[in-house]
Protein backbone atom coordinates (compact mmCIF):
# COMPACT_ATOMS: atom_id res chain seq x y z
CA MET A 1 15.75 44.71 12.97
CA GLN A 2 13.72 45.17 9.88
CA ASP A 3 10.42 43.38 9.48
CA LEU A 4 11.76 41.29 6.61
CA GLU A 5 14.65 40.01 8.71
CA ILE A 6 12.35 39.24 11.66
CA SER A 7 10.02 37.33 9.33
CA ARG A 8 12.96 35.30 8.05
CA PHE A 9 13.97 34.31 11.59
CA ILE A 10 10.39 33.43 12.52
CA LYS A 11 10.23 31.10 9.53
CA ILE A 12 13.54 29.43 10.48
CA ILE A 13 12.41 28.90 14.08
CA LYS A 14 9.00 27.53 13.09
CA ASN A 15 10.52 25.13 10.56
CA LYS A 16 12.85 23.78 13.27
CA LEU A 17 9.99 23.41 15.76
CA TYR A 18 7.77 21.68 13.21
CA SER A 19 10.49 19.19 12.32
CA ASP A 20 11.66 18.47 15.89
CA TYR A 21 8.60 18.52 18.20
CA ARG A 22 8.16 14.73 18.17
CA GLY A 23 11.49 14.51 19.97
CA MET A 24 9.66 15.73 23.09
CA TYR A 25 7.66 12.48 23.22
CA LYS A 26 9.22 9.86 25.47
CA GLU A 27 8.07 6.30 25.97
CA ALA A 28 7.44 4.70 29.34
CA GLY A 29 10.43 3.10 30.96
CA GLY A 30 12.29 2.65 34.20
CA ALA A 31 10.53 4.44 37.05
CA LEU A 32 8.04 6.11 34.69
CA PRO A 33 5.27 3.66 33.76
CA PHE A 34 3.50 5.97 31.28
CA PRO A 35 4.68 7.80 28.14
CA PHE A 36 5.42 11.49 28.78
CA ILE A 37 6.62 14.83 27.38
CA THR A 38 10.03 16.37 28.04
CA PRO A 39 11.07 20.00 27.57
CA GLY A 40 13.75 19.05 25.04
CA SER A 41 14.67 16.32 22.64
CA GLN A 42 17.83 14.42 23.64
CA GLN A 43 18.92 16.13 26.85
CA TYR A 44 15.95 14.91 28.90
CA SER A 45 15.45 11.42 27.53
CA ASP A 46 14.46 9.65 30.75
CA VAL A 47 13.43 12.39 33.17
CA LEU A 48 9.96 13.77 33.86
CA TRP A 49 9.98 17.49 34.60
CA ASP A 50 6.47 18.14 35.88
CA TRP A 51 6.20 21.92 35.48
CA ASP A 52 8.50 22.07 32.48
CA SER A 53 6.56 19.27 30.81
CA TRP A 54 3.33 21.19 31.35
CA LEU A 55 4.77 24.38 29.86
CA SER A 56 6.34 22.39 27.02
CA ASN A 57 2.91 20.96 26.34
CA VAL A 58 1.50 24.49 26.06
CA ALA A 59 4.08 25.15 23.32
CA LEU A 60 3.45 21.72 21.76
CA ARG A 61 -0.26 22.43 21.50
CA GLN A 62 0.49 25.72 19.72
CA ILE A 63 2.70 23.86 17.23
CA LEU A 64 0.00 21.25 16.65
CA LEU A 65 -2.64 23.94 16.23
CA GLU A 66 -0.53 25.66 13.58
CA LEU A 67 0.13 22.36 11.79
CA GLY A 68 -3.61 21.65 11.75
CA ASP A 69 -3.24 17.85 11.77
CA LYS A 70 -5.93 16.19 13.91
CA GLY A 71 -4.05 12.90 13.85
CA GLU A 72 -0.99 14.53 15.39
CA GLU A 73 -3.18 16.19 18.03
CA GLU A 74 -4.68 12.82 18.97
CA TYR A 75 -1.25 11.16 18.99
CA ALA A 76 -0.01 13.70 21.56
CA GLU A 77 -2.81 12.85 24.01
CA LYS A 78 -1.24 9.66 25.39
CA TYR A 79 1.93 11.60 26.25
CA GLU A 80 -0.05 14.43 27.83
CA LYS A 81 -2.06 11.99 29.93
CA GLY A 82 1.11 10.09 30.80
CA CYS A 83 2.66 13.21 32.34
CA VAL A 84 -0.25 13.48 34.75
CA LEU A 85 -0.37 9.75 35.47
CA ASN A 86 3.38 9.59 36.16
CA PHE A 87 3.04 12.55 38.52
CA LEU A 88 0.14 10.89 40.35
CA THR A 89 2.05 7.61 40.53
CA TRP A 90 4.92 9.25 42.39
CA GLY A 91 3.05 11.91 44.37
CA GLY A 92 2.84 11.20 48.07
CA LYS A 93 0.60 12.52 50.82
CA ASP A 94 3.21 15.14 51.62
CA GLY A 95 3.08 16.57 48.10
């Protein structure tokens, strides 16, 4: 692929990520008492995926860094913390 075509696809992907990342935020409900992050928008609406949520958060932080909006970074914190708190809520002595 030529550089120009690659640049065009990068722009398309980034625009989609920038417009859709808030879909990864899920509110507390059911068995999950804290808000949390999912690896996708609609497909994972009520399921906490511990490792996937962590890796999704790595990507989310990159998006937020590129957007450069401190308010959005602060907004994400309750969902990041919620992932850990939900995990600790359901973690038993056996792991």
